[in-house]
Amino acid sequence: MTFVTQILQRLRRAKLICSDETSARVNGQNQWEWVFQNQDVCLHVIRPSRASGVMYEVLGEHRPDIWVSDLFSAQKKSPSTTMASMFSPSTAGLPICD
């Protein structure tokens, strides 16, 4: 079993997952770097798509109890419990670290 397979298995059982995506240039082409993480594991994948199919590729049918995301449309379409991370540390009363 590969290390990536072990990470995928742990993510697919996780009660908490945080995810995000950002643009990335690969060989001069625009791609999307996705990150799926929690307190135990972190997985980065780069795909040509920003669509929800990437979430299904990584997580299969698993939906965590808590999903922290920025509520981009791909994540909003997911049939999961989603908690938006649309606040800054200062407005949430969290300390700001330099």
PDB file of N, CA and C in Angstrom:
ATOM      1  N   MET A   1       0.843  -1.173   0.000  1.00  0.00           N
ATOM      2  CA  MET A   1       0.000   0.000   0.000  1.00  0.00           C
ATOM      3  C   MET A   1       0.896   1.246   0.000  1.00  0.00           C
ATOM      4  N   THR A   2       0.628   2.160  -0.907  1.00  0.00           N
ATOM      5  CA  THR A   2       1.449   3.360  -0.995  1.00  0.00           C
ATOM      6  C   THR A   2       1.096   4.353   0.108  1.00  0.00           C
ATOM      7  N   PHE A   3       1.998   5.283   0.342  1.00  0.00           N
ATOM      8  CA  PHE A   3       1.777   6.319   1.340  1.00  0.00           C
ATOM      9  C   PHE A   3       0.559   7.171   0.976  1.00  0.00           C
ATOM     10  N   VAL A   4       0.397   7.489  -0.305  1.00  0.00           N
ATOM     11  CA  VAL A   4      -0.758   8.282  -0.753  1.00  0.00           C
ATOM     12  C   VAL A   4      -2.056   7.522  -0.501  1.00  0.00           C
ATOM     13  N   THR A   5      -2.070   6.236  -0.747  1.00  0.00           N
ATOM     14  CA  THR A   5      -3.263   5.425  -0.482  1.00  0.00           C
ATOM     15  C   THR A   5      -3.612   5.458   1.001  1.00  0.00           C
ATOM     16  N   GLN A   6      -2.605   5.402   1.853  1.00  0.00           N
ATOM     17  CA  GLN A   6      -2.856   5.473   3.297  1.00  0.00           C
ATOM     18  C   GLN A   6      -3.463   6.821   3.687  1.00  0.00           C
ATOM     19  N   ILE A   7      -2.961   7.909   3.098  1.00  0.00           N
ATOM     20  CA  ILE A   7      -3.514   9.239   3.372  1.00  0.00           C
ATOM     21  C   ILE A   7      -4.957   9.310   2.900  1.00  0.00           C
ATOM     22  N   LEU A   8      -5.237   8.815   1.700  1.00  0.00           N
ATOM     23  CA  LEU A   8      -6.608   8.814   1.169  1.00  0.00           C
ATOM     24  C   LEU A   8      -7.552   8.043   2.086  1.00  0.00           C
ATOM     25  N   GLN A   9      -7.113   6.893   2.561  1.00  0.00           N
ATOM     26  CA  GLN A   9      -7.958   6.102   3.463  1.00  0.00           C
ATOM     27  C   GLN A   9      -8.272   6.866   4.742  1.00  0.00           C
ATOM     28  N   ARG A  10      -7.289   7.564   5.273  1.00  0.00           N
ATOM     29  CA  ARG A  10      -7.519   8.334   6.504  1.00  0.00           C
ATOM     30  C   ARG A  10      -8.447   9.513   6.249  1.00  0.00           C
ATOM     31  N   LEU A  11      -8.274  10.202   5.117  1.00  0.00           N
ATOM     32  CA  LEU A  11      -9.184  11.301   4.790  1.00  0.00           C
ATOM     33  C   LEU A  11     -10.608  10.799   4.605  1.00  0.00           C
ATOM     34  N   ARG A  12     -10.756   9.632   3.998  1.00  0.00           N
ATOM     35  CA  ARG A  12     -12.090   9.081   3.718  1.00  0.00           C
ATOM     36  C   ARG A  12     -12.795   8.554   4.961  1.00  0.00           C
ATOM     37  N   ARG A  13     -12.106   8.561   6.096  1.00  0.00           N
ATOM     38  CA  ARG A  13     -12.730   8.200   7.375  1.00  0.00           C
ATOM     39  C   ARG A  13     -12.830   9.392   8.322  1.00  0.00           C
ATOM     40  N   ALA A  14     -12.249  10.512   7.939  1.00  0.00           N
ATOM     41  CA  ALA A  14     -12.122  11.664   8.836  1.00  0.00           C
ATOM     42  C   ALA A  14     -13.466  12.304   9.156  1.00  0.00           C
ATOM     43  N   LYS A  15     -13.611  12.742  10.406  1.00  0.00           N
ATOM     44  CA  LYS A  15     -14.799  13.484  10.822  1.00  0.00           C
ATOM     45  C   LYS A  15     -14.675  14.963  10.489  1.00  0.00           C
ATOM     46  N   LEU A  16     -13.438  15.446  10.319  1.00  0.00           N
ATOM     47  CA  LEU A  16     -13.154  16.838  10.003  1.00  0.00           C
ATOM     48  C   LEU A  16     -12.211  16.899   8.811  1.00  0.00           C
ATOM     49  N   ILE A  17     -12.581  17.698   7.803  1.00  0.00           N
ATOM     50  CA  ILE A  17     -11.709  17.939   6.654  1.00  0.00           C
ATOM     51  C   ILE A  17     -11.774  19.427   6.316  1.00  0.00           C
ATOM     52  N   CYS A  18     -10.612  19.987   6.062  1.00  0.00           N
ATOM     53  CA  CYS A  18     -10.501  21.351   5.553  1.00  0.00           C
ATOM     54  C   CYS A  18     -10.009  21.239   4.112  1.00  0.00           C
ATOM     55  N   SER A  19     -10.598  22.026   3.228  1.00  0.00           N
ATOM     56  CA  SER A  19     -10.156  21.960   1.836  1.00  0.00           C
ATOM     57  C   SER A  19     -10.127  23.348   1.222  1.00  0.00           C
ATOM     58  N   ASP A  20      -9.296  23.480   0.205  1.00  0.00           N
ATOM     59  CA  ASP A  20      -9.206  24.729  -0.544  1.00  0.00           C
ATOM     60  C   ASP A  20      -8.558  24.418  -1.879  1.00  0.00           C
ATOM     61  N   GLU A  21      -8.665  25.356  -2.794  1.00  0.00           N
ATOM     62  CA  GLU A  21      -8.026  25.218  -4.094  1.00  0.00           C
ATOM     63  C   GLU A  21      -7.496  26.576  -4.514  1.00  0.00           C
ATOM     64  N   THR A  22      -6.420  26.556  -5.292  1.00  0.00           N
ATOM     65  CA  THR A  22      -5.822  27.785  -5.797  1.00  0.00           C
ATOM     66  C   THR A  22      -5.199  27.486  -7.155  1.00  0.00           C
ATOM     67  N   SER A  23      -5.002  28.516  -7.932  1.00  0.00           N
ATOM     68  CA  SER A  23      -4.428  28.306  -9.260  1.00  0.00           C
ATOM     69  C   SER A  23      -2.958  27.937  -9.155  1.00  0.00           C
ATOM     70  N   ALA A  24      -2.494  27.191 -10.142  1.00  0.00           N
ATOM     71  CA  ALA A  24      -1.094  26.774 -10.210  1.00  0.00           C
ATOM     72  C   ALA A  24      -0.704  26.678 -11.681  1.00  0.00           C
ATOM     73  N   ARG A  25       0.517  27.052 -11.997  1.00  0.00           N
ATOM     74  CA  ARG A  25       1.014  26.928 -13.366  1.00  0.00           C
ATOM     75  C   ARG A  25       1.876  25.662 -13.449  1.00  0.00           C
ATOM     76  N   VAL A  26       1.537  24.802 -14.392  1.00  0.00           N
ATOM     77  CA  VAL A  26       2.295  23.565 -14.608  1.00  0.00           C
ATOM     78  C   VAL A  26       2.656  23.512 -16.084  1.00  0.00           C
ATOM     79  N   ASN A  27       3.933  23.542 -16.376  1.00  0.00           N
ATOM     80  CA  ASN A  27       4.409  23.535 -17.769  1.00  0.00           C
ATOM     81  C   ASN A  27       3.718  24.607 -18.606  1.00  0.00           C
ATOM     82  N   GLY A  28       3.550  25.800 -18.020  1.00  0.00           N
ATOM     83  CA  GLY A  28       2.943  26.920 -18.745  1.00  0.00           C
ATOM     84  C   GLY A  28       1.434  26.870 -18.862  1.00  0.00           C
ATOM     85  N   GLN A  29       0.796  25.893 -18.248  1.00  0.00           N
ATOM     86  CA  GLN A  29      -0.657  25.737 -18.329  1.00  0.00           C
ATOM     87  C   GLN A  29      -1.288  26.021 -16.969  1.00  0.00           C
ATOM     88  N   ASN A  30      -2.464  26.642 -16.989  1.00  0.00           N
ATOM     89  CA  ASN A  30      -3.197  26.874 -15.746  1.00  0.00           C
ATOM     90  C   ASN A  30      -3.791  25.563 -15.239  1.00  0.00           C
ATOM     91  N   GLN A  31      -3.581  25.293 -13.974  1.00  0.00           N
ATOM     92  CA  GLN A  31      -4.124  24.115 -13.306  1.00  0.00           C
ATOM     93  C   GLN A  31      -4.691  24.578 -11.970  1.00  0.00           C
ATOM     94  N   TRP A  32      -5.203  23.634 -11.190  1.00  0.00           N
ATOM     95  CA  TRP A  32      -5.726  23.935  -9.853  1.00  0.00           C
ATOM     96  C   TRP A  32      -5.071  23.016  -8.841  1.00  0.00           C
ATOM     97  N   GLU A  33      -4.497  23.616  -7.822  1.00  0.00           N
ATOM     98  CA  GLU A  33      -3.930  22.846  -6.725  1.00  0.00           C
ATOM     99  C   GLU A  33      -4.964  22.788  -5.613  1.00  0.00           C
ATOM    100  N   TRP A  34      -5.365  21.598  -5.278  1.00  0.00           N
ATOM    101  CA  TRP A  34      -6.334  21.355  -4.204  1.00  0.00           C
ATOM    102  C   TRP A  34      -5.588  20.831  -2.997  1.00  0.00           C
ATOM    103  N   VAL A  35      -6.024  21.224  -1.817  1.00  0.00           N
ATOM    104  CA  VAL A  35      -5.486  20.673  -0.586  1.00  0.00           C
ATOM    105  C   VAL A  35      -6.651  20.163   0.259  1.00  0.00           C
ATOM    106  N   PHE A  36      -6.472  18.981   0.808  1.00  0.00           N
ATOM    107  CA  PHE A  36      -7.429  18.368   1.727  1.00  0.00           C
ATOM    108  C   PHE A  36      -6.629  18.026   2.973  1.00  0.00           C
ATOM    109  N   GLN A  37      -7.063  18.512   4.125  1.00  0.00           N
ATOM    110  CA  GLN A  37      -6.266  18.267   5.326  1.00  0.00           C
ATOM    111  C   GLN A  37      -7.132  18.252   6.575  1.00  0.00           C
ATOM    112  N   ASN A  38      -6.539  17.717   7.609  1.00  0.00           N
ATOM    113  CA  ASN A  38      -7.100  17.803   8.957  1.00  0.00           C
ATOM    114  C   ASN A  38      -5.923  17.750   9.928  1.00  0.00           C
ATOM    115  N   GLN A  39      -6.194  17.462  11.170  1.00  0.00           N
ATOM    116  CA  GLN A  39      -5.128  17.476  12.173  1.00  0.00           C
ATOM    117  C   GLN A  39      -4.129  16.333  11.987  1.00  0.00           C
ATOM    118  N   ASP A  40      -4.468  15.332  11.185  1.00  0.00           N
ATOM    119  CA  ASP A  40      -3.601  14.162  11.034  1.00  0.00           C
ATOM    120  C   ASP A  40      -2.879  14.060   9.697  1.00  0.00           C
ATOM    121  N   VAL A  41      -3.530  14.454   8.619  1.00  0.00           N
ATOM    122  CA  VAL A  41      -2.951  14.256   7.286  1.00  0.00           C
ATOM    123  C   VAL A  41      -3.202  15.468   6.394  1.00  0.00           C
ATOM    124  N   CYS A  42      -2.422  15.554   5.339  1.00  0.00           N
ATOM    125  CA  CYS A  42      -2.573  16.625   4.352  1.00  0.00           C
ATOM    126  C   CYS A  42      -2.272  16.042   2.976  1.00  0.00           C
ATOM    127  N   LEU A  43      -3.138  16.335   2.017  1.00  0.00           N
ATOM    128  CA  LEU A  43      -2.954  15.838   0.657  1.00  0.00           C
ATOM    129  C   LEU A  43      -3.121  16.993  -0.322  1.00  0.00           C
ATOM    130  N   HIS A  44      -2.135  17.168  -1.209  1.00  0.00           N
ATOM    131  CA  HIS A  44      -2.216  18.149  -2.293  1.00  0.00           C
ATOM    132  C   HIS A  44      -2.357  17.387  -3.596  1.00  0.00           C
ATOM    133  N   VAL A  45      -3.273  17.828  -4.447  1.00  0.00           N
ATOM    134  CA  VAL A  45      -3.390  17.282  -5.793  1.00  0.00           C
ATOM    135  C   VAL A  45      -3.505  18.450  -6.764  1.00  0.00           C
ATOM    136  N   ILE A  46      -2.927  18.305  -7.935  1.00  0.00           N
ATOM    137  CA  ILE A  46      -3.044  19.319  -8.977  1.00  0.00           C
ATOM    138  C   ILE A  46      -3.806  18.701 -10.128  1.00  0.00           C
ATOM    139  N   ARG A  47      -4.886  19.380 -10.513  1.00  0.00           N
ATOM    140  CA  ARG A  47      -5.755  18.901 -11.577  1.00  0.00           C
ATOM    141  C   ARG A  47      -6.106  20.060 -12.502  1.00  0.00           C
ATOM    142  N   PRO A  48      -6.475  19.784 -13.738  1.00  0.00           N
ATOM    143  CA  PRO A  48      -6.851  20.859 -14.659  1.00  0.00           C
ATOM    144  C   PRO A  48      -8.219  21.464 -14.329  1.00  0.00           C
ATOM    145  N   SER A  49      -8.939  20.866 -13.414  1.00  0.00           N
ATOM    146  CA  SER A  49     -10.305  21.294 -13.130  1.00  0.00           C
ATOM    147  C   SER A  49     -10.452  21.852 -11.723  1.00  0.00           C
ATOM    148  N   ARG A  50     -11.352  22.818 -11.593  1.00  0.00           N
ATOM    149  CA  ARG A  50     -11.728  23.355 -10.288  1.00  0.00           C
ATOM    150  C   ARG A  50     -13.117  22.836  -9.899  1.00  0.00           C
ATOM    151  N   ALA A  51     -13.644  21.903 -10.653  1.00  0.00           N
ATOM    152  CA  ALA A  51     -15.002  21.402 -10.453  1.00  0.00           C
ATOM    153  C   ALA A  51     -15.063  20.375  -9.322  1.00  0.00           C
ATOM    154  N   SER A  52     -16.280  20.060  -8.907  1.00  0.00           N
ATOM    155  CA  SER A  52     -16.496  19.167  -7.771  1.00  0.00           C
ATOM    156  C   SER A  52     -16.011  17.743  -8.022  1.00  0.00           C
ATOM    157  N   GLY A  53     -15.758  17.378  -9.257  1.00  0.00           N
ATOM    158  CA  GLY A  53     -15.254  16.040  -9.556  1.00  0.00           C
ATOM    159  C   GLY A  53     -13.951  15.728  -8.841  1.00  0.00           C
ATOM    160  N   VAL A  54     -13.148  16.758  -8.567  1.00  0.00           N
ATOM    161  CA  VAL A  54     -11.889  16.546  -7.844  1.00  0.00           C
ATOM    162  C   VAL A  54     -12.183  16.091  -6.418  1.00  0.00           C
ATOM    163  N   MET A  55     -13.206  16.673  -5.799  1.00  0.00           N
ATOM    164  CA  MET A  55     -13.577  16.252  -4.443  1.00  0.00           C
ATOM    165  C   MET A  55     -14.010  14.795  -4.426  1.00  0.00           C
ATOM    166  N   TYR A  56     -14.783  14.385  -5.431  1.00  0.00           N
ATOM    167  CA  TYR A  56     -15.228  12.993  -5.489  1.00  0.00           C
ATOM    168  C   TYR A  56     -14.057  12.057  -5.787  1.00  0.00           C
ATOM    169  N   GLU A  57     -13.110  12.518  -6.599  1.00  0.00           N
ATOM    170  CA  GLU A  57     -11.916  11.711  -6.870  1.00  0.00           C
ATOM    171  C   GLU A  57     -11.139  11.447  -5.576  1.00  0.00           C
ATOM    172  N   VAL A  58     -10.988  12.462  -4.748  1.00  0.00           N
ATOM    173  CA  VAL A  58     -10.199  12.342  -3.530  1.00  0.00           C
ATOM    174  C   VAL A  58     -10.988  11.657  -2.417  1.00  0.00           C
ATOM    175  N   LEU A  59     -12.223  12.082  -2.204  1.00  0.00           N
ATOM    176  CA  LEU A  59     -12.983  11.613  -1.038  1.00  0.00           C
ATOM    177  C   LEU A  59     -13.983  10.516  -1.338  1.00  0.00           C
ATOM    178  N   GLY A  60     -14.195  10.205  -2.602  1.00  0.00           N
ATOM    179  CA  GLY A  60     -15.231   9.229  -2.931  1.00  0.00           C
ATOM    180  C   GLY A  60     -16.579   9.736  -2.442  1.00  0.00           C
ATOM    181  N   GLU A  61     -17.359   8.871  -1.856  1.00  0.00           N
ATOM    182  CA  GLU A  61     -18.679   9.261  -1.333  1.00  0.00           C
ATOM    183  C   GLU A  61     -18.622   9.738   0.120  1.00  0.00           C
ATOM    184  N   HIS A  62     -17.448   9.691   0.739  1.00  0.00           N
ATOM    185  CA  HIS A  62     -17.312  10.110   2.141  1.00  0.00           C
ATOM    186  C   HIS A  62     -17.572  11.605   2.285  1.00  0.00           C
ATOM    187  N   ARG A  63     -18.366  11.969   3.265  1.00  0.00           N
ATOM    188  CA  ARG A  63     -18.579  13.357   3.630  1.00  0.00           C
ATOM    189  C   ARG A  63     -18.363  13.470   5.130  1.00  0.00           C
ATOM    190  N   PRO A  64     -17.419  14.306   5.543  1.00  0.00           N
ATOM    191  CA  PRO A  64     -17.101  14.427   6.968  1.00  0.00           C
ATOM    192  C   PRO A  64     -18.238  15.099   7.731  1.00  0.00           C
ATOM    193  N   ASP A  65     -18.226  14.957   9.041  1.00  0.00           N
ATOM    194  CA  ASP A  65     -19.203  15.652   9.876  1.00  0.00           C
ATOM    195  C   ASP A  65     -19.024  17.158   9.769  1.00  0.00           C
ATOM    196  N   ILE A  66     -17.777  17.603   9.710  1.00  0.00           N
ATOM    197  CA  ILE A  66     -17.468  19.032   9.575  1.00  0.00           C
ATOM    198  C   ILE A  66     -16.523  19.200   8.405  1.00  0.00           C
ATOM    199  N   TRP A  67     -16.913  20.082   7.494  1.00  0.00           N
ATOM    200  CA  TRP A  67     -16.100  20.362   6.329  1.00  0.00           C
ATOM    201  C   TRP A  67     -15.840  21.859   6.306  1.00  0.00           C
ATOM    202  N   VAL A  68     -14.602  22.257   6.502  1.00  0.00           N
ATOM    203  CA  VAL A  68     -14.236  23.673   6.510  1.00  0.00           C
ATOM    204  C   VAL A  68     -13.754  24.038   5.110  1.00  0.00           C
ATOM    205  N   SER A  69     -14.426  25.007   4.507  1.00  0.00           N
ATOM    206  CA  SER A  69     -14.049  25.437   3.158  1.00  0.00           C
ATOM    207  C   SER A  69     -14.437  26.901   2.986  1.00  0.00           C
ATOM    208  N   ASP A  70     -14.047  27.460   1.841  1.00  0.00           N
ATOM    209  CA  ASP A  70     -14.423  28.839   1.546  1.00  0.00           C
ATOM    210  C   ASP A  70     -15.750  28.913   0.785  1.00  0.00           C
ATOM    211  N   LEU A  71     -16.415  27.799   0.649  1.00  0.00           N
ATOM    212  CA  LEU A  71     -17.721  27.698  -0.015  1.00  0.00           C
ATOM    213  C   LEU A  71     -17.673  28.079  -1.491  1.00  0.00           C
ATOM    214  N   PHE A  72     -16.550  27.790  -2.144  1.00  0.00           N
ATOM    215  CA  PHE A  72     -16.507  27.900  -3.597  1.00  0.00           C
ATOM    216  C   PHE A  72     -17.587  26.979  -4.149  1.00  0.00           C
ATOM    217  N   SER A  73     -18.107  27.282  -5.309  1.00  0.00           N
ATOM    218  CA  SER A  73     -19.278  26.566  -5.827  1.00  0.00           C
ATOM    219  C   SER A  73     -19.090  25.046  -5.854  1.00  0.00           C
ATOM    220  N   ALA A  74     -17.883  24.553  -6.114  1.00  0.00           N
ATOM    221  CA  ALA A  74     -17.667  23.097  -6.111  1.00  0.00           C
ATOM    222  C   ALA A  74     -17.942  22.511  -4.737  1.00  0.00           C
ATOM    223  N   GLN A  75     -17.534  23.221  -3.686  1.00  0.00           N
ATOM    224  CA  GLN A  75     -17.768  22.734  -2.331  1.00  0.00           C
ATOM    225  C   GLN A  75     -19.226  22.933  -1.917  1.00  0.00           C
ATOM    226  N   LYS A  76     -19.856  24.001  -2.397  1.00  0.00           N
ATOM    227  CA  LYS A  76     -21.265  24.249  -2.044  1.00  0.00           C
ATOM    228  C   LYS A  76     -22.172  23.163  -2.592  1.00  0.00           C
ATOM    229  N   LYS A  77     -21.804  22.598  -3.744  1.00  0.00           N
ATOM    230  CA  LYS A  77     -22.631  21.560  -4.367  1.00  0.00           C
ATOM    231  C   LYS A  77     -22.485  20.208  -3.681  1.00  0.00           C
ATOM    232  N   SER A  78     -21.485  20.097  -2.841  1.00  0.00           N
ATOM    233  CA  SER A  78     -21.242  18.832  -2.161  1.00  0.00           C
ATOM    234  C   SER A  78     -22.333  18.554  -1.132  1.00  0.00           C
ATOM    235  N   PRO A  79     -22.833  17.324  -1.078  1.00  0.00           N
ATOM    236  CA  PRO A  79     -23.879  16.988  -0.095  1.00  0.00           C
ATOM    237  C   PRO A  79     -23.272  16.716   1.274  1.00  0.00           C
ATOM    238  N   SER A  80     -22.693  17.743   1.860  1.00  0.00           N
ATOM    239  CA  SER A  80     -22.028  17.554   3.145  1.00  0.00           C
ATOM    240  C   SER A  80     -22.409  18.671   4.103  1.00  0.00           C
ATOM    241  N   THR A  81     -22.059  18.478   5.350  1.00  0.00           N
ATOM    242  CA  THR A  81     -22.173  19.538   6.334  1.00  0.00           C
ATOM    243  C   THR A  81     -20.978  20.442   6.124  1.00  0.00           C
ATOM    244  N   THR A  82     -21.223  21.688   5.752  1.00  0.00           N
ATOM    245  CA  THR A  82     -20.135  22.589   5.422  1.00  0.00           C
ATOM    246  C   THR A  82     -20.116  23.759   6.386  1.00  0.00           C
ATOM    247  N   MET A  83     -18.944  24.074   6.872  1.00  0.00           N
ATOM    248  CA  MET A  83     -18.776  25.224   7.728  1.00  0.00           C
ATOM    249  C   MET A  83     -17.833  26.183   7.020  1.00  0.00           C
ATOM    250  N   ALA A  84     -18.272  27.384   6.745  1.00  0.00           N
ATOM    251  CA  ALA A  84     -17.453  28.336   6.010  1.00  0.00           C
ATOM    252  C   ALA A  84     -16.347  28.892   6.887  1.00  0.00           C
ATOM    253  N   SER A  85     -15.215  29.097   6.269  1.00  0.00           N
ATOM    254  CA  SER A  85     -14.100  29.713   6.981  1.00  0.00           C
ATOM    255  C   SER A  85     -13.938  31.142   6.486  1.00  0.00           C
ATOM    256  N   MET A  86     -15.049  31.835   6.365  1.00  0.00           N
ATOM    257  CA  MET A  86     -15.041  33.167   5.782  1.00  0.00           C
ATOM    258  C   MET A  86     -14.969  34.241   6.856  1.00  0.00           C
ATOM    259  N   PHE A  87     -13.964  34.151   7.687  1.00  0.00           N
ATOM    260  CA  PHE A  87     -13.739  35.180   8.685  1.00  0.00           C
ATOM    261  C   PHE A  87     -12.251  35.366   8.851  1.00  0.00           C
ATOM    262  N   SER A  88     -11.878  36.524   9.313  1.00  0.00           N
ATOM    263  CA  SER A  88     -10.462  36.748   9.577  1.00  0.00           C
ATOM    264  C   SER A  88     -10.176  36.411  11.022  1.00  0.00           C
ATOM    265  N   PRO A  89      -8.929  36.106  11.355  1.00  0.00           N
ATOM    266  CA  PRO A  89      -8.608  35.796  12.758  1.00  0.00           C
ATOM    267  C   PRO A  89      -9.024  36.911  13.710  1.00  0.00           C
ATOM    268  N   SER A  90      -8.876  38.161  13.281  1.00  0.00           N
ATOM    269  CA  SER A  90      -9.197  39.266  14.181  1.00  0.00           C
ATOM    270  C   SER A  90     -10.697  39.357  14.465  1.00  0.00           C
ATOM    271  N   THR A  91     -11.539  39.117  13.464  1.00  0.00           N
ATOM    272  CA  THR A  91     -12.982  39.196  13.698  1.00  0.00           C
ATOM    273  C   THR A  91     -13.497  37.990  14.449  1.00  0.00           C
ATOM    274  N   ALA A  92     -12.753  36.892  14.419  1.00  0.00           N
ATOM    275  CA  ALA A  92     -13.164  35.700  15.142  1.00  0.00           C
ATOM    276  C   ALA A  92     -12.629  35.703  16.571  1.00  0.00           C
ATOM    277  N   GLY A  93     -11.871  36.741  16.937  1.00  0.00           N
ATOM    278  CA  GLY A  93     -11.304  36.807  18.272  1.00  0.00           C
ATOM    279  C   GLY A  93     -10.101  35.908  18.456  1.00  0.00           C
ATOM    280  N   LEU A  94      -9.486  35.495  17.353  1.00  0.00           N
ATOM    281  CA  LEU A  94      -8.304  34.630  17.423  1.00  0.00           C
ATOM    282  C   LEU A  94      -7.042  35.472  17.388  1.00  0.00           C
ATOM    283  N   PRO A  95      -5.989  35.020  18.008  1.00  0.00           N
ATOM    284  CA  PRO A  95      -4.739  35.796  17.964  1.00  0.00           C
ATOM    285  C   PRO A  95      -4.163  35.810  16.555  1.00  0.00           C
ATOM    286  N   ILE A  96      -3.552  36.911  16.204  1.00  0.00           N
ATOM    287  CA  ILE A  96      -2.903  37.038  14.901  1.00  0.00           C
ATOM    288  C   ILE A  96      -1.420  36.823  15.103  1.00  0.00           C
ATOM    289  N   CYS A  97      -0.866  35.868  14.366  1.00  0.00           N
ATOM    290  CA  CYS A  97       0.552  35.535  14.502  1.00  0.00           C
ATOM    291  C   CYS A  97       1.331  36.135  13.342  1.00  0.00           C
ATOM    292  N   ASP A  98       2.515  36.625  13.628  1.00  0.00           N
ATOM    293  CA  ASP A  98       3.389  37.169  12.565  1.00  0.00           C
ATOM    294  C   ASP A  98       4.336  36.109  12.084  1.00  0.00           C
TER     295      ASP A  98
END
